[in-house]
Amino acid sequence: MIENFDKNYEVCNCIKVTISDIKASIINKGVKTLGDLQEKTRAGTECRHCLMNEGDFGKVKKKIYCKDVLGEFFNG
């Protein structure tokens, strides 16, 4: 699924964290969980709508979530 998105797609609009930023954090900073991602990038620490579909109560739903990027990176 993430291959359908531009690497500069902002997953977290509040902090301006992109798919590319998340991938770099996984590779270079040892991010493995949503908690790690929040700690290393601050993604999902403001409104939290970008973390996962289940927690997205925003007016405009995200097209991809932090959890999706992590899941696809580790699950193939």
C-alpha atoms as a PDB file:
ATOM      1  CA  MET A   1       0.000   0.000   0.000  1.00  0.00           C
ATOM      2  CA  ILE A   2       2.709   2.562   0.868  1.00  0.00           C
ATOM      3  CA  GLU A   3       4.276   2.087  -2.555  1.00  0.00           C
ATOM      4  CA  ASN A   4       1.197   3.892  -3.931  1.00  0.00           C
ATOM      5  CA  PHE A   5       2.131   7.057  -2.025  1.00  0.00           C
ATOM      6  CA  ASP A   6       4.795   9.638  -2.745  1.00  0.00           C
ATOM      7  CA  LYS A   7       7.658   9.282  -0.260  1.00  0.00           C
ATOM      8  CA  ASN A   8       7.008  12.908   0.775  1.00  0.00           C
ATOM      9  CA  TYR A   9       3.368  12.260   1.725  1.00  0.00           C
ATOM     10  CA  GLU A  10       2.845  13.736   5.200  1.00  0.00           C
ATOM     11  CA  VAL A  11       1.543  11.006   7.447  1.00  0.00           C
ATOM     12  CA  CYS A  12       1.644  13.374  10.442  1.00  0.00           C
ATOM     13  CA  ASN A  13       0.525  16.827   9.358  1.00  0.00           C
ATOM     14  CA  CYS A  14       0.955  18.411  12.805  1.00  0.00           C
ATOM     15  CA  ILE A  15       4.696  17.643  12.986  1.00  0.00           C
ATOM     16  CA  LYS A  16       5.227  17.335   9.202  1.00  0.00           C
ATOM     17  CA  VAL A  17       6.498  13.726   9.314  1.00  0.00           C
ATOM     18  CA  THR A  18       6.555  12.006   5.921  1.00  0.00           C
ATOM     19  CA  ILE A  19       6.632   8.380   4.822  1.00  0.00           C
ATOM     20  CA  SER A  20      10.307   8.930   4.033  1.00  0.00           C
ATOM     21  CA  ASP A  21      10.940  10.238   7.563  1.00  0.00           C
ATOM     22  CA  ILE A  22       9.279   7.182   9.079  1.00  0.00           C
ATOM     23  CA  LYS A  23      11.283   4.789   6.902  1.00  0.00           C
ATOM     24  CA  ALA A  24      14.521   6.603   7.786  1.00  0.00           C
ATOM     25  CA  SER A  25      13.669   6.365  11.485  1.00  0.00           C
ATOM     26  CA  ILE A  26      13.097   2.623  11.176  1.00  0.00           C
ATOM     27  CA  ILE A  27      16.401   2.121   9.360  1.00  0.00           C
ATOM     28  CA  ASN A  28      18.608   4.627  11.200  1.00  0.00           C
ATOM     29  CA  LYS A  29      17.073   5.037  14.645  1.00  0.00           C
ATOM     30  CA  GLY A  30      15.829   1.525  15.430  1.00  0.00           C
ATOM     31  CA  VAL A  31      12.116   2.403  15.433  1.00  0.00           C
ATOM     32  CA  LYS A  32       9.985  -0.739  15.766  1.00  0.00           C
ATOM     33  CA  THR A  33       6.783   0.400  17.499  1.00  0.00           C
ATOM     34  CA  LEU A  34       4.412   3.361  17.463  1.00  0.00           C
ATOM     35  CA  GLY A  35       5.895   4.394  20.812  1.00  0.00           C
ATOM     36  CA  ASP A  36       9.395   4.364  19.336  1.00  0.00           C
ATOM     37  CA  LEU A  37       8.169   6.387  16.371  1.00  0.00           C
ATOM     38  CA  GLN A  38       6.586   8.997  18.620  1.00  0.00           C
ATOM     39  CA  GLU A  39       9.729   9.255  20.705  1.00  0.00           C
ATOM     40  CA  LYS A  40      12.130   9.563  17.752  1.00  0.00           C
ATOM     41  CA  THR A  41      10.067  11.724  15.348  1.00  0.00           C
ATOM     42  CA  ARG A  42       7.297  13.219  17.514  1.00  0.00           C
ATOM     43  CA  ALA A  43       4.780  11.926  14.924  1.00  0.00           C
ATOM     44  CA  GLY A  44       1.392  11.390  16.513  1.00  0.00           C
ATOM     45  CA  THR A  45       2.162  13.401  19.629  1.00  0.00           C
ATOM     46  CA  GLU A  46      -0.160  16.316  18.845  1.00  0.00           C
ATOM     47  CA  CYS A  47      -3.679  15.421  17.649  1.00  0.00           C
ATOM     48  CA  ARG A  48      -2.824  11.681  17.392  1.00  0.00           C
ATOM     49  CA  HIS A  49      -5.151  11.142  14.393  1.00  0.00           C
ATOM     50  CA  CYS A  50      -2.241   9.916  12.249  1.00  0.00           C
ATOM     51  CA  LEU A  51      -1.354   6.948  14.428  1.00  0.00           C
ATOM     52  CA  MET A  52      -4.025   4.472  13.342  1.00  0.00           C
ATOM     53  CA  ASN A  53      -7.363   4.356  11.580  1.00  0.00           C
ATOM     54  CA  GLU A  54      -9.130   3.367  14.803  1.00  0.00           C
ATOM     55  CA  GLY A  55      -8.008   6.584  16.488  1.00  0.00           C
ATOM     56  CA  ASP A  56      -8.673   8.973  13.618  1.00  0.00           C
ATOM     57  CA  PHE A  57     -11.535  11.177  14.763  1.00  0.00           C
ATOM     58  CA  GLY A  58     -10.473  14.141  12.626  1.00  0.00           C
ATOM     59  CA  LYS A  59     -12.741  15.890  10.139  1.00  0.00           C
ATOM     60  CA  VAL A  60     -10.624  14.681   7.217  1.00  0.00           C
ATOM     61  CA  LYS A  61      -9.536  11.055   7.424  1.00  0.00           C
ATOM     62  CA  LYS A  62      -5.918  10.204   6.625  1.00  0.00           C
ATOM     63  CA  LYS A  63      -5.142   8.044   3.597  1.00  0.00           C
ATOM     64  CA  ILE A  64      -2.344   6.199   5.405  1.00  0.00           C
ATOM     65  CA  TYR A  65      -1.356   5.985   9.064  1.00  0.00           C
ATOM     66  CA  CYS A  66       1.874   5.577  11.028  1.00  0.00           C
ATOM     67  CA  LYS A  67       0.755   2.085  12.018  1.00  0.00           C
ATOM     68  CA  ASP A  68       0.335   1.182   8.310  1.00  0.00           C
ATOM     69  CA  VAL A  69       3.847   2.320   7.396  1.00  0.00           C
ATOM     70  CA  LEU A  70       5.378   0.412  10.319  1.00  0.00           C
ATOM     71  CA  GLY A  71       3.318  -2.694   9.522  1.00  0.00           C
ATOM     72  CA  GLU A  72       4.256  -2.742   5.868  1.00  0.00           C
ATOM     73  CA  PHE A  73       7.931  -2.171   6.592  1.00  0.00           C
ATOM     74  CA  PHE A  74       8.110  -5.075   9.046  1.00  0.00           C
ATOM     75  CA  ASN A  75       5.600  -7.401   7.397  1.00  0.00           C
ATOM     76  CA  GLY A  76       6.757  -7.102   3.887  1.00  0.00           C
END
